PDB file of N, CA and C in Angstrom:
ATOM      1  N   UNK A   1      30.951 -32.088 -40.476  1.00  0.00           N
ATOM      2  CA  UNK A   1      31.911 -32.105 -41.555  1.00  0.00           C
ATOM      3  C   UNK A   1      33.168 -32.802 -41.047  1.00  0.00           C
ATOM      4  N   UNK A   2      33.697 -33.677 -41.834  1.00  0.00           N
ATOM      5  CA  UNK A   2      34.895 -34.395 -41.422  1.00  0.00           C
ATOM      6  C   UNK A   2      36.099 -33.467 -41.438  1.00  0.00           C
ATOM      7  N   UNK A   3      37.078 -33.760 -40.610  1.00  0.00           N
ATOM      8  CA  UNK A   3      38.233 -32.894 -40.440  1.00  0.00           C
ATOM      9  C   UNK A   3      38.990 -32.588 -41.740  1.00  0.00           C
ATOM     10  N   UNK A   4      39.269 -33.564 -42.623  1.00  0.00           N
ATOM     11  CA  UNK A   4      40.014 -33.211 -43.839  1.00  0.00           C
ATOM     12  C   UNK A   4      39.307 -32.152 -44.687  1.00  0.00           C
ATOM     13  N   UNK A   5      37.995 -32.150 -44.679  1.00  0.00           N
ATOM     14  CA  UNK A   5      37.231 -31.165 -45.440  1.00  0.00           C
ATOM     15  C   UNK A   5      37.024 -29.896 -44.636  1.00  0.00           C
ATOM     16  N   UNK A   6      36.872 -30.023 -43.336  1.00  0.00           N
ATOM     17  CA  UNK A   6      36.508 -28.890 -42.492  1.00  0.00           C
ATOM     18  C   UNK A   6      37.550 -27.786 -42.516  1.00  0.00           C
ATOM     19  N   UNK A   7      38.822 -28.108 -42.422  1.00  0.00           N
ATOM     20  CA  UNK A   7      39.853 -27.075 -42.316  1.00  0.00           C
ATOM     21  C   UNK A   7      39.857 -26.126 -43.512  1.00  0.00           C
ATOM     22  N   UNK A   8      39.905 -26.602 -44.765  1.00  0.00           N
ATOM     23  CA  UNK A   8      39.873 -25.654 -45.887  1.00  0.00           C
ATOM     24  C   UNK A   8      38.559 -24.879 -45.963  1.00  0.00           C
ATOM     25  N   UNK A   9      37.451 -25.549 -45.686  1.00  0.00           N
ATOM     26  CA  UNK A   9      36.152 -24.873 -45.718  1.00  0.00           C
ATOM     27  C   UNK A   9      36.100 -23.806 -44.631  1.00  0.00           C
ATOM     28  N   UNK A  10      36.598 -24.123 -43.450  1.00  0.00           N
ATOM     29  CA  UNK A  10      36.619 -23.159 -42.350  1.00  0.00           C
ATOM     30  C   UNK A  10      37.420 -21.923 -42.749  1.00  0.00           C
ATOM     31  N   UNK A  11      38.567 -22.100 -43.377  1.00  0.00           N
ATOM     32  CA  UNK A  11      39.397 -20.961 -43.793  1.00  0.00           C
ATOM     33  C   UNK A  11      38.658 -20.080 -44.799  1.00  0.00           C
ATOM     34  N   UNK A  12      37.966 -20.698 -45.750  1.00  0.00           N
ATOM     35  CA  UNK A  12      37.224 -19.936 -46.758  1.00  0.00           C
ATOM     36  C   UNK A  12      36.104 -19.140 -46.102  1.00  0.00           C
ATOM     37  N   UNK A  13      35.341 -19.793 -45.244  1.00  0.00           N
ATOM     38  CA  UNK A  13      34.210 -19.129 -44.593  1.00  0.00           C
ATOM     39  C   UNK A  13      34.698 -18.006 -43.692  1.00  0.00           C
ATOM     40  N   UNK A  14      35.752 -18.243 -42.924  1.00  0.00           N
ATOM     41  CA  UNK A  14      36.275 -17.214 -42.028  1.00  0.00           C
ATOM     42  C   UNK A  14      36.788 -16.012 -42.806  1.00  0.00           C
ATOM     43  N   UNK A  15      37.452 -16.246 -43.933  1.00  0.00           N
ATOM     44  CA  UNK A  15      37.994 -15.128 -44.704  1.00  0.00           C
ATOM     45  C   UNK A  15      36.890 -14.292 -45.342  1.00  0.00           C
ATOM     46  N   UNK A  16      35.717 -14.878 -45.541  1.00  0.00           N
ATOM     47  CA  UNK A  16      34.599 -14.131 -46.128  1.00  0.00           C
ATOM     48  C   UNK A  16      33.841 -13.324 -45.078  1.00  0.00           C
ATOM     49  N   UNK A  17      34.125 -13.579 -43.805  1.00  0.00           N
ATOM     50  CA  UNK A  17      33.425 -12.870 -42.738  1.00  0.00           C
ATOM     51  C   UNK A  17      32.008 -13.369 -42.521  1.00  0.00           C
ATOM     52  N   UNK A  18      31.729 -14.568 -42.987  1.00  0.00           N
ATOM     53  CA  UNK A  18      30.394 -15.144 -42.881  1.00  0.00           C
ATOM     54  C   UNK A  18      30.212 -15.848 -41.541  1.00  0.00           C
ATOM     55  N   UNK A  19      29.059 -15.620 -40.923  1.00  0.00           N
ATOM     56  CA  UNK A  19      28.757 -16.323 -39.679  1.00  0.00           C
ATOM     57  C   UNK A  19      28.480 -17.791 -39.976  1.00  0.00           C
ATOM     58  N   UNK A  20      28.986 -18.653 -39.157  1.00  0.00           N
ATOM     59  CA  UNK A  20      28.712 -20.081 -39.308  1.00  0.00           C
ATOM     60  C   UNK A  20      28.929 -20.766 -37.977  1.00  0.00           C
ATOM     61  N   UNK A  21      28.416 -21.948 -37.841  1.00  0.00           N
ATOM     62  CA  UNK A  21      28.716 -22.793 -36.686  1.00  0.00           C
ATOM     63  C   UNK A  21      28.592 -24.228 -37.133  1.00  0.00           C
ATOM     64  N   UNK A  22      29.172 -25.104 -36.359  1.00  0.00           N
ATOM     65  CA  UNK A  22      29.040 -26.527 -36.652  1.00  0.00           C
ATOM     66  C   UNK A  22      28.886 -27.265 -35.337  1.00  0.00           C
ATOM     67  N   UNK A  23      28.128 -28.321 -35.381  1.00  0.00           N
ATOM     68  CA  UNK A  23      28.016 -29.177 -34.218  1.00  0.00           C
ATOM     69  C   UNK A  23      29.134 -30.195 -34.325  1.00  0.00           C
ATOM     70  N   UNK A  24      30.076 -30.122 -33.401  1.00  0.00           N
ATOM     71  CA  UNK A  24      31.170 -31.089 -33.387  1.00  0.00           C
ATOM     72  C   UNK A  24      30.684 -32.408 -32.825  1.00  0.00           C
ATOM     73  N   UNK A  25      31.583 -33.154 -32.306  1.00  0.00           N
ATOM     74  CA  UNK A  25      31.210 -34.445 -31.725  1.00  0.00           C
ATOM     75  C   UNK A  25      30.269 -34.213 -30.549  1.00  0.00           C
ATOM     76  N   UNK A  26      29.120 -34.835 -30.615  1.00  0.00           N
ATOM     77  CA  UNK A  26      28.157 -34.721 -29.526  1.00  0.00           C
ATOM     78  C   UNK A  26      28.394 -35.842 -28.529  1.00  0.00           C
ATOM     79  N   UNK A  27      28.069 -35.579 -27.297  1.00  0.00           N
ATOM     80  CA  UNK A  27      28.202 -36.588 -26.253  1.00  0.00           C
ATOM     81  C   UNK A  27      27.218 -37.718 -26.540  1.00  0.00           C
ATOM     82  N   UNK A  28      27.721 -38.897 -26.840  1.00  0.00           N
ATOM     83  CA  UNK A  28      26.858 -40.022 -27.215  1.00  0.00           C
ATOM     84  C   UNK A  28      25.983 -40.505 -26.064  1.00  0.00           C
ATOM     85  N   UNK A  29      26.400 -40.270 -24.832  1.00  0.00           N
ATOM     86  CA  UNK A  29      25.607 -40.747 -23.702  1.00  0.00           C
ATOM     87  C   UNK A  29      24.444 -39.813 -23.385  1.00  0.00           C
ATOM     88  N   UNK A  30      24.586 -38.528 -23.691  1.00  0.00           N
ATOM     89  CA  UNK A  30      23.521 -37.551 -23.432  1.00  0.00           C
ATOM     90  C   UNK A  30      23.415 -36.588 -24.617  1.00  0.00           C
ATOM     91  N   UNK A  31      22.989 -37.076 -25.786  1.00  0.00           N
ATOM     92  CA  UNK A  31      22.970 -36.202 -26.966  1.00  0.00           C
ATOM     93  C   UNK A  31      22.063 -34.984 -26.820  1.00  0.00           C
ATOM     94  N   UNK A  32      20.909 -35.128 -26.166  1.00  0.00           N
ATOM     95  CA  UNK A  32      19.999 -33.985 -26.018  1.00  0.00           C
ATOM     96  C   UNK A  32      20.646 -32.885 -25.179  1.00  0.00           C
ATOM     97  N   UNK A  33      21.280 -33.264 -24.089  1.00  0.00           N
ATOM     98  CA  UNK A  33      21.964 -32.285 -23.243  1.00  0.00           C
ATOM     99  C   UNK A  33      23.128 -31.645 -23.967  1.00  0.00           C
ATOM    100  N   UNK A  34      23.807 -32.431 -24.765  1.00  0.00           N
ATOM    101  CA  UNK A  34      24.946 -31.937 -25.525  1.00  0.00           C
ATOM    102  C   UNK A  34      24.503 -30.895 -26.556  1.00  0.00           C
ATOM    103  N   UNK A  35      23.399 -31.163 -27.246  1.00  0.00           N
ATOM    104  CA  UNK A  35      22.866 -30.212 -28.226  1.00  0.00           C
ATOM    105  C   UNK A  35      22.406 -28.943 -27.517  1.00  0.00           C
ATOM    106  N   UNK A  36      21.750 -29.089 -26.368  1.00  0.00           N
ATOM    107  CA  UNK A  36      21.261 -27.925 -25.620  1.00  0.00           C
ATOM    108  C   UNK A  36      22.417 -27.004 -25.236  1.00  0.00           C
ATOM    109  N   UNK A  37      23.500 -27.566 -24.762  1.00  0.00           N
ATOM    110  CA  UNK A  37      24.667 -26.764 -24.380  1.00  0.00           C
ATOM    111  C   UNK A  37      25.219 -26.030 -25.593  1.00  0.00           C
ATOM    112  N   UNK A  38      25.286 -26.709 -26.730  1.00  0.00           N
ATOM    113  CA  UNK A  38      25.812 -26.072 -27.934  1.00  0.00           C
ATOM    114  C   UNK A  38      24.901 -24.940 -28.412  1.00  0.00           C
ATOM    115  N   UNK A  39      23.600 -25.150 -28.355  1.00  0.00           N
ATOM    116  CA  UNK A  39      22.657 -24.103 -28.755  1.00  0.00           C
ATOM    117  C   UNK A  39      22.784 -22.908 -27.816  1.00  0.00           C
ATOM    118  N   UNK A  40      22.904 -23.155 -26.521  1.00  0.00           N
ATOM    119  CA  UNK A  40      23.089 -22.064 -25.560  1.00  0.00           C
ATOM    120  C   UNK A  40      24.378 -21.304 -25.852  1.00  0.00           C
ATOM    121  N   UNK A  41      25.423 -22.014 -26.236  1.00  0.00           N
ATOM    122  CA  UNK A  41      26.694 -21.375 -26.571  1.00  0.00           C
ATOM    123  C   UNK A  41      26.546 -20.499 -27.811  1.00  0.00           C
ATOM    124  N   UNK A  42      25.834 -20.987 -28.814  1.00  0.00           N
ATOM    125  CA  UNK A  42      25.609 -20.212 -30.036  1.00  0.00           C
ATOM    126  C   UNK A  42      24.813 -18.948 -29.720  1.00  0.00           C
ATOM    127  N   UNK A  43      23.778 -19.077 -28.908  1.00  0.00           N
ATOM    128  CA  UNK A  43      22.968 -17.914 -28.522  1.00  0.00           C
ATOM    129  C   UNK A  43      23.835 -16.887 -27.800  1.00  0.00           C
ATOM    130  N   UNK A  44      24.646 -17.341 -26.864  1.00  0.00           N
ATOM    131  CA  UNK A  44      25.527 -16.441 -26.120  1.00  0.00           C
ATOM    132  C   UNK A  44      26.471 -15.711 -27.074  1.00  0.00           C
ATOM    133  N   UNK A  45      27.091 -16.463 -27.977  1.00  0.00           N
ATOM    134  CA  UNK A  45      28.046 -15.888 -28.920  1.00  0.00           C
ATOM    135  C   UNK A  45      27.365 -14.834 -29.795  1.00  0.00           C
ATOM    136  N   UNK A  46      26.189 -15.154 -30.328  1.00  0.00           N
ATOM    137  CA  UNK A  46      25.486 -14.210 -31.196  1.00  0.00           C
ATOM    138  C   UNK A  46      25.064 -12.957 -30.440  1.00  0.00           C
ATOM    139  N   UNK A  47      24.589 -13.118 -29.208  1.00  0.00           N
ATOM    140  CA  UNK A  47      24.208 -11.951 -28.413  1.00  0.00           C
ATOM    141  C   UNK A  47      25.415 -11.061 -28.139  1.00  0.00           C
ATOM    142  N   UNK A  48      26.547 -11.671 -27.913  1.00  0.00           N
ATOM    143  CA  UNK A  48      27.740 -10.915 -27.546  1.00  0.00           C
ATOM    144  C   UNK A  48      28.434 -10.274 -28.753  1.00  0.00           C
ATOM    145  N   UNK A  49      28.511 -10.981 -29.875  1.00  0.00           N
ATOM    146  CA  UNK A  49      29.356 -10.535 -30.979  1.00  0.00           C
ATOM    147  C   UNK A  49      28.634 -10.173 -32.272  1.00  0.00           C
ATOM    148  N   UNK A  50      27.343 -10.440 -32.407  1.00  0.00           N
ATOM    149  CA  UNK A  50      26.688 -10.254 -33.708  1.00  0.00           C
ATOM    150  C   UNK A  50      26.755  -8.810 -34.205  1.00  0.00           C
ATOM    151  N   UNK A  51      26.559  -7.835 -33.338  1.00  0.00           N
ATOM    152  CA  UNK A  51      26.588  -6.436 -33.770  1.00  0.00           C
ATOM    153  C   UNK A  51      27.940  -6.085 -34.376  1.00  0.00           C
ATOM    154  N   UNK A  52      29.006  -6.458 -33.707  1.00  0.00           N
ATOM    155  CA  UNK A  52      30.328  -6.097 -34.221  1.00  0.00           C
ATOM    156  C   UNK A  52      30.686  -6.907 -35.473  1.00  0.00           C
ATOM    157  N   UNK A  53      30.216  -8.139 -35.571  1.00  0.00           N
ATOM    158  CA  UNK A  53      30.460  -8.944 -36.774  1.00  0.00           C
ATOM    159  C   UNK A  53      29.737  -8.322 -37.970  1.00  0.00           C
ATOM    160  N   UNK A  54      28.495  -7.905 -37.773  1.00  0.00           N
ATOM    161  CA  UNK A  54      27.725  -7.289 -38.855  1.00  0.00           C
ATOM    162  C   UNK A  54      28.359  -5.968 -39.274  1.00  0.00           C
ATOM    163  N   UNK A  55      28.803  -5.164 -38.318  1.00  0.00           N
ATOM    164  CA  UNK A  55      29.459  -3.895 -38.645  1.00  0.00           C
ATOM    165  C   UNK A  55      30.723  -4.123 -39.469  1.00  0.00           C
ATOM    166  N   UNK A  56      31.517  -5.122 -39.094  1.00  0.00           N
ATOM    167  CA  UNK A  56      32.735  -5.449 -39.864  1.00  0.00           C
ATOM    168  C   UNK A  56      32.379  -5.878 -41.278  1.00  0.00           C
ATOM    169  N   UNK A  57      31.350  -6.699 -41.392  1.00  0.00           N
ATOM    170  CA  UNK A  57      30.913  -7.191 -42.704  1.00  0.00           C
ATOM    171  C   UNK A  57      30.440  -6.024 -43.570  1.00  0.00           C
ATOM    172  N   UNK A  58      29.662  -5.109 -43.003  1.00  0.00           N
ATOM    173  CA  UNK A  58      29.162  -3.970 -43.768  1.00  0.00           C
ATOM    174  C   UNK A  58      30.296  -3.062 -44.238  1.00  0.00           C
ATOM    175  N   UNK A  59      31.343  -2.912 -43.441  1.00  0.00           N
ATOM    176  CA  UNK A  59      32.493  -2.093 -43.837  1.00  0.00           C
ATOM    177  C   UNK A  59      33.211  -2.678 -45.045  1.00  0.00           C
ATOM    178  N   UNK A  60      33.155  -3.997 -45.196  1.00  0.00           N
ATOM    179  CA  UNK A  60      33.839  -4.657 -46.307  1.00  0.00           C
ATOM    180  C   UNK A  60      33.060  -4.542 -47.612  1.00  0.00           C
ATOM    181  N   UNK A  61      31.764  -4.245 -47.530  1.00  0.00           N
ATOM    182  CA  UNK A  61      30.942  -4.134 -48.732  1.00  0.00           C
ATOM    183  C   UNK A  61      31.221  -2.818 -49.447  1.00  0.00           C
ATOM    184  N   UNK A  62      31.092  -2.843 -50.756  1.00  0.00           N
ATOM    185  CA  UNK A  62      31.250  -1.615 -51.523  1.00  0.00           C
ATOM    186  C   UNK A  62      29.987  -0.781 -51.366  1.00  0.00           C
ATOM    187  N   UNK A  63      30.136   0.544 -51.406  1.00  0.00           N
ATOM    188  CA  UNK A  63      28.952   1.394 -51.268  1.00  0.00           C
ATOM    189  C   UNK A  63      27.982   1.187 -52.438  1.00  0.00           C
ATOM    190  N   UNK A  64      26.704   1.403 -52.174  1.00  0.00           N
ATOM    191  CA  UNK A  64      25.682   1.270 -53.210  1.00  0.00           C
ATOM    192  C   UNK A  64      25.718   2.534 -54.070  1.00  0.00           C
ATOM    193  N   UNK A  65      25.800   2.372 -55.396  1.00  0.00           N
ATOM    194  CA  UNK A  65      25.792   3.560 -56.268  1.00  0.00           C
ATOM    195  C   UNK A  65      24.521   4.386 -56.059  1.00  0.00           C
ATOM    196  N   UNK A  66      24.655   5.715 -56.106  1.00  0.00           N
ATOM    197  CA  UNK A  66      23.524   6.612 -55.836  1.00  0.00           C
ATOM    198  C   UNK A  66      22.343   6.357 -56.761  1.00  0.00           C
ATOM    199  N   UNK A  67      22.615   5.993 -58.011  1.00  0.00           N
ATOM    200  CA  UNK A  67      21.518   5.784 -58.960  1.00  0.00           C
ATOM    201  C   UNK A  67      20.665   4.566 -58.603  1.00  0.00           C
ATOM    202  N   UNK A  68      21.187   3.677 -57.760  1.00  0.00           N
ATOM    203  CA  UNK A  68      20.421   2.507 -57.335  1.00  0.00           C
ATOM    204  C   UNK A  68      19.606   2.764 -56.071  1.00  0.00           C
ATOM    205  N   UNK A  69      19.914   3.847 -55.379  1.00  0.00           N
ATOM    206  CA  UNK A  69      19.167   4.184 -54.166  1.00  0.00           C
ATOM    207  C   UNK A  69      17.832   4.807 -54.550  1.00  0.00           C
ATOM    208  N   UNK A  70      16.794   4.436 -53.848  1.00  0.00           N
ATOM    209  CA  UNK A  70      15.449   4.956 -54.154  1.00  0.00           C
ATOM    210  C   UNK A  70      15.175   6.180 -53.329  1.00  0.00           C
TER     211      UNK A  70
END
């Protein structure tokens, strides 16, 4: 995503508490290695923070009405 569009979109996504990632500029000389490093970073981030991100997201949701529970 280009920078003029990315900043407003990033603010909207962050305020919603939605998980997202983007591949920024990749190293043109070693694109495969560059992608591998980014994927490893995403895996590390998700392993470290996903539980707490999901818990925060669930706290923001409204409770399910009892009549909808089975």
